Amino acid sequence: MSAAFDREVNDLICQGKAMDAFEKFYADDVEMFENFDPPCVGKDANRTRELEFFGKVEQVKSAELLAQSYDDKTGAGFSEWDWDVVFKGGFNVRMRQVGVRRWKNGKVVHERFYYKPAT
């Protein structure tokens, strides 16, 4: 079941509904990581962090899902993205990102984003 949920999260992100996916599928005790930074723990803390990020975005020029996979044995979903985002103030970032979601009981309990930070 989580493989279908993982695909649905990706579909919602492609539709510009990342926060809808977050509210529906993320566990109350979710841990989210940016690269190898310390985790942000808990749905409330991550909701705040996500809303702050989206509040800085002026335009998503494109968000292309390049590949996705799900491993039933480990409960992990993998997705590769190509992003082209303009932040408020006109700063444009083009980025390739890999996200790994770990699922438990139909909810995301761990998510890590791997990417090279913009310089």
C-alpha atoms as a PDB file:
ATOM      1  CA  MET A   1       0.000   0.000   0.000  1.00  0.00           C
ATOM      2  CA  SER A   2       2.795   2.462   0.813  1.00  0.00           C
ATOM      3  CA  ALA A   3       4.143   2.200  -2.753  1.00  0.00           C
ATOM      4  CA  ALA A   4       0.855   3.657  -4.016  1.00  0.00           C
ATOM      5  CA  PHE A   5       0.964   6.295  -1.275  1.00  0.00           C
ATOM      6  CA  ASP A   6       4.534   7.229  -2.261  1.00  0.00           C
ATOM      7  CA  ARG A   7       3.441   7.681  -5.888  1.00  0.00           C
ATOM      8  CA  GLU A   8       0.501   9.790  -4.704  1.00  0.00           C
ATOM      9  CA  VAL A   9       2.840  12.072  -2.725  1.00  0.00           C
ATOM     10  CA  ASN A  10       4.939  12.581  -5.869  1.00  0.00           C
ATOM     11  CA  ASP A  11       1.823  13.235  -7.958  1.00  0.00           C
ATOM     12  CA  LEU A  12       0.609  15.865  -5.484  1.00  0.00           C
ATOM     13  CA  ILE A  13       4.017  17.570  -5.508  1.00  0.00           C
ATOM     14  CA  CYS A  14       3.890  17.690  -9.330  1.00  0.00           C
ATOM     15  CA  GLN A  15       0.459  19.346  -9.061  1.00  0.00           C
ATOM     16  CA  GLY A  16       1.824  22.024  -6.715  1.00  0.00           C
ATOM     17  CA  LYS A  17       0.094  20.455  -3.695  1.00  0.00           C
ATOM     18  CA  ALA A  18       3.074  19.505  -1.544  1.00  0.00           C
ATOM     19  CA  MET A  19       1.391  20.689   1.657  1.00  0.00           C
ATOM     20  CA  ASP A  20      -1.704  18.593   0.882  1.00  0.00           C
ATOM     21  CA  ALA A  21       0.587  15.552   0.634  1.00  0.00           C
ATOM     22  CA  PHE A  22       2.302  16.552   3.860  1.00  0.00           C
ATOM     23  CA  GLU A  23      -0.967  16.842   5.805  1.00  0.00           C
ATOM     24  CA  LYS A  24      -2.338  13.561   4.457  1.00  0.00           C
ATOM     25  CA  PHE A  25       0.695  11.287   4.583  1.00  0.00           C
ATOM     26  CA  TYR A  26       3.264  12.486   7.127  1.00  0.00           C
ATOM     27  CA  ALA A  27       3.373  11.014  10.642  1.00  0.00           C
ATOM     28  CA  ASP A  28       3.102  13.180  13.748  1.00  0.00           C
ATOM     29  CA  ASP A  29       6.660  12.171  14.722  1.00  0.00           C
ATOM     30  CA  VAL A  30       8.212  12.498  11.231  1.00  0.00           C
ATOM     31  CA  GLU A  31      11.925  13.273  11.001  1.00  0.00           C
ATOM     32  CA  MET A  32      12.973  15.325   7.971  1.00  0.00           C
ATOM     33  CA  PHE A  33      16.560  16.011   6.915  1.00  0.00           C
ATOM     34  CA  GLU A  34      18.241  18.386   4.463  1.00  0.00           C
ATOM     35  CA  ASN A  35      21.307  16.499   3.220  1.00  0.00           C
ATOM     36  CA  PHE A  36      23.245  15.563   6.363  1.00  0.00           C
ATOM     37  CA  ASP A  37      21.980  18.363   8.595  1.00  0.00           C
ATOM     38  CA  PRO A  38      20.399  17.389  11.923  1.00  0.00           C
ATOM     39  CA  PRO A  39      16.760  16.338  11.646  1.00  0.00           C
ATOM     40  CA  CYS A  40      13.743  18.529  12.089  1.00  0.00           C
ATOM     41  CA  VAL A  41      11.493  16.369  14.273  1.00  0.00           C
ATOM     42  CA  GLY A  42       7.711  16.363  14.500  1.00  0.00           C
ATOM     43  CA  LYS A  43       4.914  17.249  12.131  1.00  0.00           C
ATOM     44  CA  ASP A  44       4.298  20.675  13.676  1.00  0.00           C
ATOM     45  CA  ALA A  45       7.967  21.725  13.421  1.00  0.00           C
ATOM     46  CA  ASN A  46       8.218  20.410   9.862  1.00  0.00           C
ATOM     47  CA  ARG A  47       4.965  22.087   8.833  1.00  0.00           C
ATOM     48  CA  THR A  48       6.386  25.416  10.028  1.00  0.00           C
ATOM     49  CA  ARG A  49       9.669  24.772   8.172  1.00  0.00           C
ATOM     50  CA  GLU A  50       7.892  23.797   4.957  1.00  0.00           C
ATOM     51  CA  LEU A  51       5.564  26.818   5.061  1.00  0.00           C
ATOM     52  CA  GLU A  52       8.554  29.124   5.654  1.00  0.00           C
ATOM     53  CA  PHE A  53      10.287  27.620   2.611  1.00  0.00           C
ATOM     54  CA  PHE A  54       7.242  27.937   0.351  1.00  0.00           C
ATOM     55  CA  GLY A  55       6.738  31.495   1.612  1.00  0.00           C
ATOM     56  CA  LYS A  56      10.128  32.390   0.113  1.00  0.00           C
ATOM     57  CA  VAL A  57       9.233  30.997  -3.329  1.00  0.00           C
ATOM     58  CA  GLU A  58       8.043  33.442  -5.946  1.00  0.00           C
ATOM     59  CA  GLN A  59       7.626  30.926  -8.769  1.00  0.00           C
ATOM     60  CA  VAL A  60       8.209  27.259  -9.460  1.00  0.00           C
ATOM     61  CA  LYS A  61       9.184  27.370 -13.122  1.00  0.00           C
ATOM     62  CA  SER A  62       9.339  23.586 -13.271  1.00  0.00           C
ATOM     63  CA  ALA A  63       9.326  20.543 -11.013  1.00  0.00           C
ATOM     64  CA  GLU A  64      10.018  17.441 -13.036  1.00  0.00           C
ATOM     65  CA  LEU A  65       9.917  13.971 -11.513  1.00  0.00           C
ATOM     66  CA  LEU A  66      12.682  12.142 -13.367  1.00  0.00           C
ATOM     67  CA  ALA A  67      12.445   8.746 -11.667  1.00  0.00           C
ATOM     68  CA  GLN A  68      10.737   7.018  -8.756  1.00  0.00           C
ATOM     69  CA  SER A  69      11.037   3.658  -7.118  1.00  0.00           C
ATOM     70  CA  TYR A  70       9.756   1.876  -4.038  1.00  0.00           C
ATOM     71  CA  ASP A  71      11.367  -0.945  -2.054  1.00  0.00           C
ATOM     72  CA  ASP A  72       8.710  -3.069  -0.335  1.00  0.00           C
ATOM     73  CA  LYS A  73      11.323  -4.859   1.782  1.00  0.00           C
ATOM     74  CA  THR A  74      12.571  -1.667   3.486  1.00  0.00           C
ATOM     75  CA  GLY A  75       9.482   0.520   3.082  1.00  0.00           C
ATOM     76  CA  ALA A  76      11.494   3.203   1.321  1.00  0.00           C
ATOM     77  CA  GLY A  77      10.451   5.349  -1.616  1.00  0.00           C
ATOM     78  CA  PHE A  78      13.030   7.072  -3.811  1.00  0.00           C
ATOM     79  CA  SER A  79      12.409   9.975  -6.172  1.00  0.00           C
ATOM     80  CA  GLU A  80      14.704  12.046  -8.387  1.00  0.00           C
ATOM     81  CA  TRP A  81      13.654  15.595  -9.204  1.00  0.00           C
ATOM     82  CA  ASP A  82      14.776  18.450 -11.418  1.00  0.00           C
ATOM     83  CA  TRP A  83      13.716  21.806  -9.937  1.00  0.00           C
ATOM     84  CA  ASP A  84      13.783  25.305 -11.393  1.00  0.00           C
ATOM     85  CA  VAL A  85      12.644  27.758  -8.712  1.00  0.00           C
ATOM     86  CA  VAL A  86      12.653  31.553  -8.469  1.00  0.00           C
ATOM     87  CA  PHE A  87      12.783  32.900  -4.940  1.00  0.00           C
ATOM     88  CA  LYS A  88      11.424  36.268  -3.879  1.00  0.00           C
ATOM     89  CA  GLY A  89      13.944  38.912  -4.870  1.00  0.00           C
ATOM     90  CA  GLY A  90      14.621  37.181  -8.189  1.00  0.00           C
ATOM     91  CA  PHE A  91      17.185  34.553  -7.088  1.00  0.00           C
ATOM     92  CA  ASN A  92      16.817  31.608  -9.509  1.00  0.00           C
ATOM     93  CA  VAL A  93      17.891  28.099  -8.431  1.00  0.00           C
ATOM     94  CA  ARG A  94      18.107  25.103 -10.738  1.00  0.00           C
ATOM     95  CA  MET A  95      18.686  21.922  -8.783  1.00  0.00           C
ATOM     96  CA  ARG A  96      18.694  18.152  -9.106  1.00  0.00           C
ATOM     97  CA  GLN A  97      17.462  16.497  -5.908  1.00  0.00           C
ATOM     98  CA  VAL A  98      16.916  12.969  -4.651  1.00  0.00           C
ATOM     99  CA  GLY A  99      14.390  12.359  -1.891  1.00  0.00           C
ATOM    100  CA  VAL A 100      14.121   9.227   0.232  1.00  0.00           C
ATOM    101  CA  ARG A 101      10.956   8.565   2.225  1.00  0.00           C
ATOM    102  CA  ARG A 102      10.640   5.792   4.778  1.00  0.00           C
ATOM    103  CA  TRP A 103       7.114   4.627   5.482  1.00  0.00           C
ATOM    104  CA  LYS A 104       5.523   2.931   8.497  1.00  0.00           C
ATOM    105  CA  ASN A 105       1.821   2.108   8.830  1.00  0.00           C
ATOM    106  CA  GLY A 106       0.915   4.215   5.780  1.00  0.00           C
ATOM    107  CA  LYS A 107       2.728   7.347   6.989  1.00  0.00           C
ATOM    108  CA  VAL A 108       6.080   8.938   6.178  1.00  0.00           C
ATOM    109  CA  VAL A 109       8.229   8.676   9.312  1.00  0.00           C
ATOM    110  CA  HIS A 110      11.565   9.743   7.811  1.00  0.00           C
ATOM    111  CA  GLU A 111      12.453  11.850   4.790  1.00  0.00           C
ATOM    112  CA  ARG A 112      15.861  13.016   3.591  1.00  0.00           C
ATOM    113  CA  PHE A 113      16.663  15.275   0.649  1.00  0.00           C
ATOM    114  CA  TYR A 114      20.027  14.890  -1.079  1.00  0.00           C
ATOM    115  CA  TYR A 115      21.288  17.735  -3.286  1.00  0.00           C
ATOM    116  CA  LYS A 116      24.227  19.986  -3.898  1.00  0.00           C
ATOM    117  CA  PRO A 117      23.479  23.341  -2.266  1.00  0.00           C
ATOM    118  CA  ALA A 118      23.355  26.378  -4.551  1.00  0.00           C
ATOM    119  CA  THR A 119      26.517  28.442  -4.512  1.00  0.00           C
END
